[in-house]
Amino acid sequence: MLFEKARRTVRRLLVGSSIAILTGAAVTEARAETAIATDLDIVVALDRSESISAAEAVRQVEGLMYTLAHPRFHQVATDGLHGRVGVSIITWSSFTRSEVLLPWTLIDSPEAARAATARLLPHLAVDDAEAHGTQTDVAFGISQGAGMLRGSPFRPIRKVINMVGDGVSNIGRVPGVDRDRALKEGIVINALLSGSDRARPVLEAYFKRDVIGGPTSFMIFIGDSRQFLDGMLRKFVLEVARLVPSHRSADERPG
């Protein structure tokens, strides 16, 4: 008798749990279906470890503002099947230190891009940056970028993490672990690197082996952070142009 009563109780609990799981899955699916579709969701992940000076951190933000305000970016961002992309900007270093500079923002017009630029203005202040870890954990940067993409309010055709940095990991796990996990989720990882000519071969070999990956993945190296404006614009334009199917003919696309 007691055994039969316990079995009925367990059955009721299992049925209730199944209903809850199915209901939750249905709600999640419904939200995904009603989310705004984008051609591309891109997370820009900025290295803010000790090797990045305050002036370099400002140049990173200036490069992003320059890109978001530039007509070339406006053209490629609105050139896809949906005519819009999602953009988010974060910082990373080590010891789980991260900051969101720009929450998910829909770019579907030059006006929307310029509004995003204005939201970055406070981060030009040198003393505005959140305290970061002194060491470089590239794996953490990748995992933070992937987490942002999982939480995107949009429904993208393509997903990209743009890793921006000037060094290799000196703490944390091998980045390839998080890179491979991101690739399995359909995320493409690219990189914008800065450093001396002497450091270039080491940086490029490291990022090629352990960081970037996915269809059309690539990296750009700039020798000086003062080249950040042109480097960031070029990077963004290439990322969007390579991954977003254009509705225009090849002759009409930006060069």
C-alpha atoms as a PDB file:
ATOM      1  CA  MET A   1       0.000   0.000   0.000  1.00  0.00           C
ATOM      2  CA  LEU A   2       2.730   2.431   1.004  1.00  0.00           C
ATOM      3  CA  PHE A   3       4.755   1.405  -2.045  1.00  0.00           C
ATOM      4  CA  GLU A   4       1.802   2.065  -4.375  1.00  0.00           C
ATOM      5  CA  LYS A   5       1.161   5.461  -2.792  1.00  0.00           C
ATOM      6  CA  ALA A   6       4.824   6.423  -3.182  1.00  0.00           C
ATOM      7  CA  ARG A   7       4.789   5.310  -6.801  1.00  0.00           C
ATOM      8  CA  ARG A   8       1.745   7.499  -7.542  1.00  0.00           C
ATOM      9  CA  THR A   9       3.442  10.466  -5.856  1.00  0.00           C
ATOM     10  CA  VAL A  10       6.579   9.993  -7.922  1.00  0.00           C
ATOM     11  CA  ARG A  11       4.468   9.702 -11.089  1.00  0.00           C
ATOM     12  CA  ARG A  12       2.691  12.990 -10.307  1.00  0.00           C
ATOM     13  CA  LEU A  13       5.998  14.720  -9.703  1.00  0.00           C
ATOM     14  CA  LEU A  14       7.424  13.409 -12.959  1.00  0.00           C
ATOM     15  CA  VAL A  15       4.367  14.509 -14.907  1.00  0.00           C
ATOM     16  CA  GLY A  16       4.493  17.948 -13.299  1.00  0.00           C
ATOM     17  CA  SER A  17       8.190  18.311 -14.087  1.00  0.00           C
ATOM     18  CA  SER A  18       7.637  17.253 -17.693  1.00  0.00           C
ATOM     19  CA  ILE A  19       4.883  19.827 -18.133  1.00  0.00           C
ATOM     20  CA  ALA A  20       7.080  22.536 -16.633  1.00  0.00           C
ATOM     21  CA  ILE A  21       9.975  21.610 -18.927  1.00  0.00           C
ATOM     22  CA  LEU A  22       7.746  21.533 -22.000  1.00  0.00           C
ATOM     23  CA  THR A  23       6.131  24.845 -21.059  1.00  0.00           C
ATOM     24  CA  GLY A  24       9.524  26.461 -20.515  1.00  0.00           C
ATOM     25  CA  ALA A  25      10.775  25.140 -23.840  1.00  0.00           C
ATOM     26  CA  ALA A  26       7.657  26.439 -25.605  1.00  0.00           C
ATOM     27  CA  VAL A  27       8.099  29.912 -24.068  1.00  0.00           C
ATOM     28  CA  THR A  28      11.777  29.981 -25.076  1.00  0.00           C
ATOM     29  CA  GLU A  29      10.911  28.911 -28.619  1.00  0.00           C
ATOM     30  CA  ALA A  30       8.152  31.515 -28.843  1.00  0.00           C
ATOM     31  CA  ARG A  31      10.533  34.253 -27.702  1.00  0.00           C
ATOM     32  CA  ALA A  32      13.088  33.165 -30.302  1.00  0.00           C
ATOM     33  CA  GLU A  33      10.457  33.288 -33.048  1.00  0.00           C
ATOM     34  CA  THR A  34       9.337  36.801 -32.092  1.00  0.00           C
ATOM     35  CA  ALA A  35      12.884  38.173 -31.664  1.00  0.00           C
ATOM     36  CA  ILE A  36      14.102  40.645 -34.277  1.00  0.00           C
ATOM     37  CA  ALA A  37      16.050  38.849 -37.005  1.00  0.00           C
ATOM     38  CA  THR A  38      19.516  40.199 -37.808  1.00  0.00           C
ATOM     39  CA  ASP A  39      22.037  39.363 -40.501  1.00  0.00           C
ATOM     40  CA  LEU A  40      24.820  39.294 -37.936  1.00  0.00           C
ATOM     41  CA  ASP A  41      25.370  39.618 -34.186  1.00  0.00           C
ATOM     42  CA  ILE A  42      28.869  40.768 -33.291  1.00  0.00           C
ATOM     43  CA  VAL A  43      30.539  41.111 -29.906  1.00  0.00           C
ATOM     44  CA  VAL A  44      33.671  43.250 -29.758  1.00  0.00           C
ATOM     45  CA  ALA A  45      35.796  41.964 -26.852  1.00  0.00           C
ATOM     46  CA  LEU A  46      38.473  44.471 -25.792  1.00  0.00           C
ATOM     47  CA  ASP A  47      41.574  43.395 -23.876  1.00  0.00           C
ATOM     48  CA  ARG A  48      41.946  45.583 -20.767  1.00  0.00           C
ATOM     49  CA  SER A  49      44.784  43.741 -19.028  1.00  0.00           C
ATOM     50  CA  GLU A  50      47.821  45.551 -17.632  1.00  0.00           C
ATOM     51  CA  SER A  51      49.543  45.641 -21.037  1.00  0.00           C
ATOM     52  CA  ILE A  52      46.833  47.993 -22.323  1.00  0.00           C
ATOM     53  CA  SER A  53      47.648  51.554 -21.227  1.00  0.00           C
ATOM     54  CA  ALA A  54      44.982  54.134 -20.426  1.00  0.00           C
ATOM     55  CA  ALA A  55      45.757  55.919 -23.690  1.00  0.00           C
ATOM     56  CA  GLU A  56      45.408  52.669 -25.644  1.00  0.00           C
ATOM     57  CA  ALA A  57      42.072  51.950 -23.949  1.00  0.00           C
ATOM     58  CA  VAL A  58      40.834  55.352 -25.084  1.00  0.00           C
ATOM     59  CA  ARG A  59      42.032  54.653 -28.637  1.00  0.00           C
ATOM     60  CA  GLN A  60      40.079  51.389 -28.620  1.00  0.00           C
ATOM     61  CA  VAL A  61      36.880  53.313 -27.869  1.00  0.00           C
ATOM     62  CA  GLU A  62      37.762  56.038 -30.369  1.00  0.00           C
ATOM     63  CA  GLY A  63      38.243  53.371 -33.040  1.00  0.00           C
ATOM     64  CA  LEU A  64      34.829  51.908 -32.311  1.00  0.00           C
ATOM     65  CA  MET A  65      33.158  55.320 -32.354  1.00  0.00           C
ATOM     66  CA  TYR A  66      34.879  56.163 -35.635  1.00  0.00           C
ATOM     67  CA  THR A  67      33.661  52.870 -37.116  1.00  0.00           C
ATOM     68  CA  LEU A  68      30.075  53.216 -35.941  1.00  0.00           C
ATOM     69  CA  ALA A  69      29.895  56.739 -37.365  1.00  0.00           C
ATOM     70  CA  HIS A  70      31.464  55.876 -40.720  1.00  0.00           C
ATOM     71  CA  PRO A  71      29.370  55.653 -43.935  1.00  0.00           C
ATOM     72  CA  ARG A  72      31.232  52.505 -45.062  1.00  0.00           C
ATOM     73  CA  PHE A  73      30.063  50.683 -41.947  1.00  0.00           C
ATOM     74  CA  HIS A  74      26.526  52.003 -42.409  1.00  0.00           C
ATOM     75  CA  GLN A  75      26.511  50.649 -45.950  1.00  0.00           C
ATOM     76  CA  VAL A  76      27.603  47.088 -45.127  1.00  0.00           C
ATOM     77  CA  ALA A  77      25.540  46.920 -41.915  1.00  0.00           C
ATOM     78  CA  THR A  78      22.311  47.618 -43.813  1.00  0.00           C
ATOM     79  CA  ASP A  79      23.209  45.665 -46.961  1.00  0.00           C
ATOM     80  CA  GLY A  80      22.079  42.200 -45.848  1.00  0.00           C
ATOM     81  CA  LEU A  81      18.861  40.251 -46.201  1.00  0.00           C
ATOM     82  CA  HIS A  82      17.382  41.861 -43.073  1.00  0.00           C
ATOM     83  CA  GLY A  83      19.242  45.152 -43.364  1.00  0.00           C
ATOM     84  CA  ARG A  84      20.362  45.188 -39.727  1.00  0.00           C
ATOM     85  CA  VAL A  85      23.042  43.865 -37.387  1.00  0.00           C
ATOM     86  CA  GLY A  86      23.322  43.540 -33.622  1.00  0.00           C
ATOM     87  CA  VAL A  87      26.395  44.986 -31.886  1.00  0.00           C
ATOM     88  CA  SER A  88      27.667  44.657 -28.329  1.00  0.00           C
ATOM     89  CA  ILE A  89      30.997  45.781 -26.827  1.00  0.00           C
ATOM     90  CA  ILE A  90      32.640  44.304 -23.741  1.00  0.00           C
ATOM     91  CA  THR A  91      36.015  44.419 -21.992  1.00  0.00           C
ATOM     92  CA  TRP A  92      37.940  41.533 -20.437  1.00  0.00           C
ATOM     93  CA  SER A  93      41.215  40.815 -18.671  1.00  0.00           C
ATOM     94  CA  SER A  94      41.502  38.125 -15.968  1.00  0.00           C
ATOM     95  CA  PHE A  95      40.037  36.956 -12.670  1.00  0.00           C
ATOM     96  CA  THR A  96      36.494  37.210 -14.105  1.00  0.00           C
ATOM     97  CA  ARG A  97      36.840  40.981 -14.623  1.00  0.00           C
ATOM     98  CA  SER A  98      34.615  42.160 -17.433  1.00  0.00           C
ATOM     99  CA  GLU A  99      32.503  45.187 -18.284  1.00  0.00           C
ATOM    100  CA  VAL A 100      29.784  45.884 -20.841  1.00  0.00           C
ATOM    101  CA  LEU A 101      30.536  49.151 -22.643  1.00  0.00           C
ATOM    102  CA  LEU A 102      27.662  48.829 -25.108  1.00  0.00           C
ATOM    103  CA  PRO A 103      24.713  46.496 -24.412  1.00  0.00           C
ATOM    104  CA  TRP A 104      23.081  44.788 -27.374  1.00  0.00           C
ATOM    105  CA  THR A 105      22.183  47.492 -29.860  1.00  0.00           C
ATOM    106  CA  LEU A 106      20.346  47.143 -33.153  1.00  0.00           C
ATOM    107  CA  ILE A 107      22.043  48.910 -36.058  1.00  0.00           C
ATOM    108  CA  ASP A 108      19.547  49.286 -38.897  1.00  0.00           C
ATOM    109  CA  SER A 109      20.306  52.830 -40.046  1.00  0.00           C
ATOM    110  CA  PRO A 110      23.012  55.494 -39.900  1.00  0.00           C
ATOM    111  CA  GLU A 111      20.968  57.196 -37.166  1.00  0.00           C
ATOM    112  CA  ALA A 112      21.008  54.049 -35.004  1.00  0.00           C
ATOM    113  CA  ALA A 113      24.767  53.699 -35.501  1.00  0.00           C
ATOM    114  CA  ARG A 114      25.382  57.311 -34.524  1.00  0.00           C
ATOM    115  CA  ALA A 115      23.211  56.867 -31.420  1.00  0.00           C
ATOM    116  CA  ALA A 116      25.395  53.884 -30.448  1.00  0.00           C
ATOM    117  CA  THR A 117      28.445  56.114 -30.897  1.00  0.00           C
ATOM    118  CA  ALA A 118      26.998  58.618 -28.440  1.00  0.00           C
ATOM    119  CA  ARG A 119      26.524  55.854 -25.859  1.00  0.00           C
ATOM    120  CA  LEU A 120      30.271  55.214 -25.951  1.00  0.00           C
ATOM    121  CA  LEU A 121      31.195  58.822 -25.146  1.00  0.00           C
ATOM    122  CA  PRO A 122      31.397  58.287 -21.347  1.00  0.00           C
ATOM    123  CA  HIS A 123      33.985  55.550 -21.887  1.00  0.00           C
ATOM    124  CA  LEU A 124      36.450  58.011 -23.403  1.00  0.00           C
ATOM    125  CA  ALA A 125      37.258  59.220 -19.889  1.00  0.00           C
ATOM    126  CA  VAL A 126      40.534  57.648 -18.745  1.00  0.00           C
ATOM    127  CA  ASP A 127      39.282  57.256 -15.174  1.00  0.00           C
ATOM    128  CA  ASP A 128      35.973  55.740 -16.287  1.00  0.00           C
ATOM    129  CA  ALA A 129      37.306  52.209 -16.859  1.00  0.00           C
ATOM    130  CA  GLU A 130      36.345  49.517 -14.418  1.00  0.00           C
ATOM    131  CA  ALA A 131      39.242  48.025 -12.447  1.00  0.00           C
ATOM    132  CA  HIS A 132      40.567  45.000 -14.308  1.00  0.00           C
ATOM    133  CA  GLY A 133      42.882  42.123 -13.560  1.00  0.00           C
ATOM    134  CA  THR A 134      46.522  42.712 -14.393  1.00  0.00           C
ATOM    135  CA  GLN A 135      46.952  39.472 -16.323  1.00  0.00           C
ATOM    136  CA  THR A 136      45.680  38.294 -19.708  1.00  0.00           C
ATOM    137  CA  ASP A 137      43.175  35.437 -19.907  1.00  0.00           C
ATOM    138  CA  VAL A 138      42.212  35.093 -23.559  1.00  0.00           C
ATOM    139  CA  ALA A 139      40.025  32.060 -22.812  1.00  0.00           C
ATOM    140  CA  PHE A 140      37.984  34.218 -20.427  1.00  0.00           C
ATOM    141  CA  GLY A 141      37.554  36.844 -23.151  1.00  0.00           C
ATOM    142  CA  ILE A 142      36.223  34.214 -25.554  1.00  0.00           C
ATOM    143  CA  SER A 143      33.858  32.776 -22.959  1.00  0.00           C
ATOM    144  CA  GLN A 144      32.507  36.234 -22.125  1.00  0.00           C
ATOM    145  CA  GLY A 145      31.908  36.964 -25.796  1.00  0.00           C
ATOM    146  CA  ALA A 146      30.133  33.638 -26.301  1.00  0.00           C
ATOM    147  CA  GLY A 147      27.990  34.317 -23.236  1.00  0.00           C
ATOM    148  CA  MET A 148      26.930  37.675 -24.646  1.00  0.00           C
ATOM    149  CA  LEU A 149      25.921  36.008 -27.913  1.00  0.00           C
ATOM    150  CA  ARG A 150      23.857  33.400 -26.066  1.00  0.00           C
ATOM    151  CA  GLY A 151      22.012  36.198 -24.322  1.00  0.00           C
ATOM    152  CA  SER A 152      21.401  38.275 -27.439  1.00  0.00           C
ATOM    153  CA  PRO A 153      17.820  39.552 -27.772  1.00  0.00           C
ATOM    154  CA  PHE A 154      18.096  39.159 -31.551  1.00  0.00           C
ATOM    155  CA  ARG A 155      17.846  36.191 -33.916  1.00  0.00           C
ATOM    156  CA  PRO A 156      21.019  36.351 -36.024  1.00  0.00           C
ATOM    157  CA  ILE A 157      21.935  34.472 -39.169  1.00  0.00           C
ATOM    158  CA  ARG A 158      25.616  34.664 -38.189  1.00  0.00           C
ATOM    159  CA  LYS A 159      27.454  35.216 -34.881  1.00  0.00           C
ATOM    160  CA  VAL A 160      30.922  36.725 -34.414  1.00  0.00           C
ATOM    161  CA  ILE A 161      33.326  37.515 -31.580  1.00  0.00           C
ATOM    162  CA  ASN A 162      35.915  40.149 -32.491  1.00  0.00           C
ATOM    163  CA  MET A 163      38.837  39.635 -30.074  1.00  0.00           C
ATOM    164  CA  VAL A 164      40.940  42.789 -29.682  1.00  0.00           C
ATOM    165  CA  GLY A 165      44.266  42.519 -27.868  1.00  0.00           C
ATOM    166  CA  ASP A 166      48.021  42.798 -27.764  1.00  0.00           C
ATOM    167  CA  GLY A 167      49.217  39.686 -25.967  1.00  0.00           C
ATOM    168  CA  VAL A 168      48.936  35.971 -25.254  1.00  0.00           C
ATOM    169  CA  SER A 169      47.445  34.377 -22.158  1.00  0.00           C
ATOM    170  CA  ASN A 170      49.552  34.272 -19.030  1.00  0.00           C
ATOM    171  CA  ILE A 171      46.838  32.864 -16.806  1.00  0.00           C
ATOM    172  CA  GLY A 172      43.800  30.615 -17.198  1.00  0.00           C
ATOM    173  CA  ARG A 173      43.189  27.667 -19.449  1.00  0.00           C
ATOM    174  CA  VAL A 174      44.250  27.175 -23.045  1.00  0.00           C
ATOM    175  CA  PRO A 175      41.990  29.413 -25.218  1.00  0.00           C
ATOM    176  CA  GLY A 176      41.494  26.600 -27.713  1.00  0.00           C
ATOM    177  CA  VAL A 177      39.065  24.918 -25.297  1.00  0.00           C
ATOM    178  CA  ASP A 178      36.699  27.892 -25.261  1.00  0.00           C
ATOM    179  CA  ARG A 179      37.327  28.572 -28.937  1.00  0.00           C
ATOM    180  CA  ASP A 180      36.250  25.037 -29.899  1.00  0.00           C
ATOM    181  CA  ARG A 181      33.165  25.291 -27.691  1.00  0.00           C
ATOM    182  CA  ALA A 182      32.198  28.549 -29.404  1.00  0.00           C
ATOM    183  CA  LEU A 183      32.741  27.066 -32.861  1.00  0.00           C
ATOM    184  CA  LYS A 184      30.335  24.235 -32.019  1.00  0.00           C
ATOM    185  CA  GLU A 185      27.716  26.920 -31.353  1.00  0.00           C
ATOM    186  CA  GLY A 186      28.238  28.373 -34.825  1.00  0.00           C
ATOM    187  CA  ILE A 187      30.284  31.348 -33.611  1.00  0.00           C
ATOM    188  CA  VAL A 188      33.082  32.760 -35.759  1.00  0.00           C
ATOM    189  CA  ILE A 189      36.056  34.252 -33.884  1.00  0.00           C
ATOM    190  CA  ASN A 190      38.236  36.936 -35.489  1.00  0.00           C
ATOM    191  CA  ALA A 191      40.997  39.100 -34.038  1.00  0.00           C
ATOM    192  CA  LEU A 192      42.433  42.603 -34.238  1.00  0.00           C
ATOM    193  CA  LEU A 193      45.974  42.571 -32.837  1.00  0.00           C
ATOM    194  CA  SER A 194      48.404  45.357 -32.025  1.00  0.00           C
ATOM    195  CA  GLY A 195      52.070  45.260 -31.099  1.00  0.00           C
ATOM    196  CA  SER A 196      55.630  45.650 -32.255  1.00  0.00           C
ATOM    197  CA  ASP A 197      57.061  44.031 -35.381  1.00  0.00           C
ATOM    198  CA  ARG A 198      59.116  41.833 -33.073  1.00  0.00           C
ATOM    199  CA  ALA A 199      55.991  40.557 -31.293  1.00  0.00           C
ATOM    200  CA  ARG A 200      53.986  40.060 -34.473  1.00  0.00           C
ATOM    201  CA  PRO A 201      55.097  36.506 -35.415  1.00  0.00           C
ATOM    202  CA  VAL A 202      54.439  35.222 -31.882  1.00  0.00           C
ATOM    203  CA  LEU A 203      51.044  36.910 -31.601  1.00  0.00           C
ATOM    204  CA  GLU A 204      49.848  35.839 -35.024  1.00  0.00           C
ATOM    205  CA  ALA A 205      50.956  32.223 -34.517  1.00  0.00           C
ATOM    206  CA  TYR A 206      49.265  32.075 -31.111  1.00  0.00           C
ATOM    207  CA  PHE A 207      45.966  33.557 -32.254  1.00  0.00           C
ATOM    208  CA  LYS A 208      45.899  31.433 -35.393  1.00  0.00           C
ATOM    209  CA  ARG A 209      46.520  28.248 -33.396  1.00  0.00           C
ATOM    210  CA  ASP A 210      44.400  28.854 -30.293  1.00  0.00           C
ATOM    211  CA  VAL A 211      41.988  31.754 -30.785  1.00  0.00           C
ATOM    212  CA  ILE A 212      40.453  32.488 -34.184  1.00  0.00           C
ATOM    213  CA  GLY A 213      38.271  29.971 -35.970  1.00  0.00           C
ATOM    214  CA  GLY A 214      35.174  29.321 -38.035  1.00  0.00           C
ATOM    215  CA  PRO A 215      34.237  29.973 -41.679  1.00  0.00           C
ATOM    216  CA  THR A 216      35.891  33.130 -43.080  1.00  0.00           C
ATOM    217  CA  SER A 217      37.748  33.765 -39.787  1.00  0.00           C
ATOM    218  CA  PHE A 218      40.698  36.142 -40.067  1.00  0.00           C
ATOM    219  CA  MET A 219      42.916  38.491 -38.087  1.00  0.00           C
ATOM    220  CA  ILE A 220      44.360  41.930 -38.729  1.00  0.00           C
ATOM    221  CA  PHE A 221      47.612  43.171 -37.204  1.00  0.00           C
ATOM    222  CA  ILE A 222      48.317  46.850 -36.628  1.00  0.00           C
ATOM    223  CA  GLY A 223      51.775  47.943 -35.588  1.00  0.00           C
ATOM    224  CA  ASP A 224      50.670  50.829 -33.395  1.00  0.00           C
ATOM    225  CA  SER A 225      47.540  51.543 -31.378  1.00  0.00           C
ATOM    226  CA  ARG A 226      47.412  54.938 -33.113  1.00  0.00           C
ATOM    227  CA  GLN A 227      46.315  53.017 -36.213  1.00  0.00           C
ATOM    228  CA  PHE A 228      43.281  51.786 -34.309  1.00  0.00           C
ATOM    229  CA  LEU A 229      40.770  53.994 -36.123  1.00  0.00           C
ATOM    230  CA  ASP A 230      41.504  52.637 -39.587  1.00  0.00           C
ATOM    231  CA  GLY A 231      42.176  49.113 -38.261  1.00  0.00           C
ATOM    232  CA  MET A 232      38.840  48.872 -36.452  1.00  0.00           C
ATOM    233  CA  LEU A 233      36.887  50.249 -39.412  1.00  0.00           C
ATOM    234  CA  ARG A 234      38.562  47.840 -41.804  1.00  0.00           C
ATOM    235  CA  LYS A 235      37.940  44.949 -39.406  1.00  0.00           C
ATOM    236  CA  PHE A 236      34.241  45.703 -38.961  1.00  0.00           C
ATOM    237  CA  VAL A 237      33.621  46.223 -42.663  1.00  0.00           C
ATOM    238  CA  LEU A 238      35.360  42.952 -43.570  1.00  0.00           C
ATOM    239  CA  GLU A 239      33.523  41.011 -40.865  1.00  0.00           C
ATOM    240  CA  VAL A 240      30.115  42.181 -41.975  1.00  0.00           C
ATOM    241  CA  ALA A 241      30.875  41.964 -45.703  1.00  0.00           C
ATOM    242  CA  ARG A 242      32.275  38.422 -45.436  1.00  0.00           C
ATOM    243  CA  LEU A 243      29.466  36.987 -43.328  1.00  0.00           C
ATOM    244  CA  VAL A 244      26.344  38.860 -44.375  1.00  0.00           C
ATOM    245  CA  PRO A 245      24.672  37.717 -47.629  1.00  0.00           C
ATOM    246  CA  SER A 246      24.126  40.867 -49.667  1.00  0.00           C
ATOM    247  CA  HIS A 247      20.886  41.594 -51.498  1.00  0.00           C
ATOM    248  CA  ARG A 248      22.796  43.721 -53.991  1.00  0.00           C
ATOM    249  CA  SER A 249      24.899  42.739 -56.941  1.00  0.00           C
ATOM    250  CA  ALA A 250      28.666  42.435 -56.626  1.00  0.00           C
ATOM    251  CA  ASP A 251      29.111  45.658 -58.624  1.00  0.00           C
ATOM    252  CA  GLU A 252      27.074  47.607 -56.065  1.00  0.00           C
ATOM    253  CA  ARG A 253      28.936  46.403 -52.963  1.00  0.00           C
ATOM    254  CA  PRO A 254      31.529  48.558 -51.220  1.00  0.00           C
ATOM    255  CA  GLY A 255      35.151  47.849 -52.091  1.00  0.00           C
END
